[in-house]
Amino acid sequence: MSRKVNCILLGKEAEGLEYAPYPGELGQRIYDQVSKEAWQRWLAHQTMLINEYRLTPIEPDSRRFLEQEMEKFFFAGGSAAPQEFVPPEQ
């Protein structure tokens, strides 16, 4: 049986993550309040941020930036795309 959470991003009960996807307090908050679907949305957004800002995730400054954006994405009203970003046509 899957674990359910009241997803902070989707605003409804949904299937929860199987483990904390990030270390520390932020990872625990995500585990407790974010659904699998919302986490997948973050991963897509994170990929866009990495590509648009040409980040290297092994660099400490890039990791700090991504962590701040992750917190905004889930808990502070959202993480915005760069002004120049043009979403691909579907």
C-alpha atoms as a PDB file:
ATOM      1  CA  MET A   1       0.000   0.000   0.000  1.00  0.00           C
ATOM      2  CA  SER A   2       1.360   3.386  -0.938  1.00  0.00           C
ATOM      3  CA  ARG A   3       1.880   6.205   1.508  1.00  0.00           C
ATOM      4  CA  LYS A   4      -0.404   9.255   1.144  1.00  0.00           C
ATOM      5  CA  VAL A   5       0.429  12.880   1.865  1.00  0.00           C
ATOM      6  CA  ASN A   6      -1.562  16.079   1.716  1.00  0.00           C
ATOM      7  CA  CYS A   7       0.542  17.579  -1.087  1.00  0.00           C
ATOM      8  CA  ILE A   8       1.419  21.210  -0.545  1.00  0.00           C
ATOM      9  CA  LEU A   9       1.899  21.822  -4.281  1.00  0.00           C
ATOM     10  CA  LEU A  10      -1.174  20.011  -5.627  1.00  0.00           C
ATOM     11  CA  GLY A  11      -3.430  20.979  -2.731  1.00  0.00           C
ATOM     12  CA  LYS A  12      -4.855  17.480  -2.394  1.00  0.00           C
ATOM     13  CA  GLU A  13      -4.077  14.055  -1.003  1.00  0.00           C
ATOM     14  CA  ALA A  14      -1.768  12.121  -3.296  1.00  0.00           C
ATOM     15  CA  GLU A  15       0.783   9.309  -3.301  1.00  0.00           C
ATOM     16  CA  GLY A  16       3.804  10.240  -1.204  1.00  0.00           C
ATOM     17  CA  LEU A  17       7.482   9.714  -1.838  1.00  0.00           C
ATOM     18  CA  GLU A  18       9.094   6.475  -0.699  1.00  0.00           C
ATOM     19  CA  TYR A  19      12.037   8.227   0.992  1.00  0.00           C
ATOM     20  CA  ALA A  20      13.341  11.736   1.654  1.00  0.00           C
ATOM     21  CA  PRO A  21      14.754  12.856  -1.715  1.00  0.00           C
ATOM     22  CA  TYR A  22      17.103  15.426  -0.221  1.00  0.00           C
ATOM     23  CA  PRO A  23      19.164  15.496   2.989  1.00  0.00           C
ATOM     24  CA  GLY A  24      18.392  17.487   6.102  1.00  0.00           C
ATOM     25  CA  GLU A  25      15.357  19.416   7.250  1.00  0.00           C
ATOM     26  CA  LEU A  26      14.325  20.427   3.718  1.00  0.00           C
ATOM     27  CA  GLY A  27      14.362  16.787   2.607  1.00  0.00           C
ATOM     28  CA  GLN A  28      12.190  15.806   5.568  1.00  0.00           C
ATOM     29  CA  ARG A  29       9.693  18.589   4.815  1.00  0.00           C
ATOM     30  CA  ILE A  30       9.521  17.422   1.206  1.00  0.00           C
ATOM     31  CA  TYR A  31       9.018  13.813   2.313  1.00  0.00           C
ATOM     32  CA  ASP A  32       6.227  14.857   4.689  1.00  0.00           C
ATOM     33  CA  GLN A  33       4.395  17.322   2.397  1.00  0.00           C
ATOM     34  CA  VAL A  34       5.197  16.614  -1.279  1.00  0.00           C
ATOM     35  CA  SER A  35       3.694  13.953  -3.535  1.00  0.00           C
ATOM     36  CA  LYS A  36       5.458  11.880  -6.165  1.00  0.00           C
ATOM     37  CA  GLU A  37       3.706  13.868  -8.888  1.00  0.00           C
ATOM     38  CA  ALA A  38       4.842  17.189  -7.412  1.00  0.00           C
ATOM     39  CA  TRP A  39       8.398  15.875  -7.046  1.00  0.00           C
ATOM     40  CA  GLN A  40       8.411  14.945 -10.741  1.00  0.00           C
ATOM     41  CA  ARG A  41       7.299  18.498 -11.557  1.00  0.00           C
ATOM     42  CA  TRP A  42      10.226  19.809  -9.518  1.00  0.00           C
ATOM     43  CA  LEU A  43      12.677  17.541 -11.343  1.00  0.00           C
ATOM     44  CA  ALA A  44      11.483  18.923 -14.705  1.00  0.00           C
ATOM     45  CA  HIS A  45      11.736  22.495 -13.384  1.00  0.00           C
ATOM     46  CA  GLN A  46      15.181  21.814 -11.931  1.00  0.00           C
ATOM     47  CA  THR A  47      16.365  20.432 -15.289  1.00  0.00           C
ATOM     48  CA  MET A  48      15.160  23.619 -16.991  1.00  0.00           C
ATOM     49  CA  LEU A  49      16.997  25.756 -14.396  1.00  0.00           C
ATOM     50  CA  ILE A  50      20.210  23.763 -14.853  1.00  0.00           C
ATOM     51  CA  ASN A  51      20.016  24.113 -18.624  1.00  0.00           C
ATOM     52  CA  GLU A  52      18.937  27.755 -18.793  1.00  0.00           C
ATOM     53  CA  TYR A  53      21.427  28.990 -16.194  1.00  0.00           C
ATOM     54  CA  ARG A  54      24.112  26.529 -17.361  1.00  0.00           C
ATOM     55  CA  LEU A  55      24.599  25.261 -13.817  1.00  0.00           C
ATOM     56  CA  THR A  56      27.026  22.566 -12.774  1.00  0.00           C
ATOM     57  CA  PRO A  57      25.343  20.728  -9.884  1.00  0.00           C
ATOM     58  CA  ILE A  58      28.661  19.593  -8.391  1.00  0.00           C
ATOM     59  CA  GLU A  59      29.621  23.218  -7.727  1.00  0.00           C
ATOM     60  CA  PRO A  60      28.611  24.469  -4.264  1.00  0.00           C
ATOM     61  CA  ASP A  61      27.133  27.748  -5.584  1.00  0.00           C
ATOM     62  CA  SER A  62      24.961  25.862  -8.069  1.00  0.00           C
ATOM     63  CA  ARG A  63      23.786  23.437  -5.373  1.00  0.00           C
ATOM     64  CA  ARG A  64      22.917  26.332  -3.053  1.00  0.00           C
ATOM     65  CA  PHE A  65      20.963  28.054  -5.831  1.00  0.00           C
ATOM     66  CA  LEU A  66      19.046  24.864  -6.665  1.00  0.00           C
ATOM     67  CA  GLU A  67      18.269  24.246  -2.988  1.00  0.00           C
ATOM     68  CA  GLN A  68      16.906  27.790  -2.635  1.00  0.00           C
ATOM     69  CA  GLU A  69      14.797  27.332  -5.765  1.00  0.00           C
ATOM     70  CA  MET A  70      13.531  23.967  -4.493  1.00  0.00           C
ATOM     71  CA  GLU A  71      12.377  25.579  -1.265  1.00  0.00           C
ATOM     72  CA  LYS A  72      10.660  28.370  -3.221  1.00  0.00           C
ATOM     73  CA  PHE A  73       9.061  25.860  -5.604  1.00  0.00           C
ATOM     74  CA  PHE A  74       7.374  23.906  -2.824  1.00  0.00           C
ATOM     75  CA  PHE A  75       7.033  26.238   0.146  1.00  0.00           C
ATOM     76  CA  ALA A  76       7.315  29.893  -0.899  1.00  0.00           C
ATOM     77  CA  GLY A  77       4.990  30.526  -3.803  1.00  0.00           C
ATOM     78  CA  GLY A  78       6.982  28.963  -6.632  1.00  0.00           C
ATOM     79  CA  SER A  79      10.254  29.177  -8.501  1.00  0.00           C
ATOM     80  CA  ALA A  80      10.182  31.282 -11.638  1.00  0.00           C
ATOM     81  CA  ALA A  81      11.786  30.443 -14.954  1.00  0.00           C
ATOM     82  CA  PRO A  82      14.372  32.883 -16.324  1.00  0.00           C
ATOM     83  CA  GLN A  83      12.800  35.835 -18.195  1.00  0.00           C
ATOM     84  CA  GLU A  84      14.345  34.649 -21.474  1.00  0.00           C
ATOM     85  CA  PHE A  85      12.953  31.108 -21.143  1.00  0.00           C
ATOM     86  CA  VAL A  86      10.655  30.015 -23.949  1.00  0.00           C
ATOM     87  CA  PRO A  87       8.867  26.718 -23.193  1.00  0.00           C
ATOM     88  CA  PRO A  88       9.158  24.118 -25.937  1.00  0.00           C
ATOM     89  CA  GLU A  89       6.075  23.707 -28.103  1.00  0.00           C
ATOM     90  CA  GLN A  90       4.071  20.624 -27.247  1.00  0.00           C
END
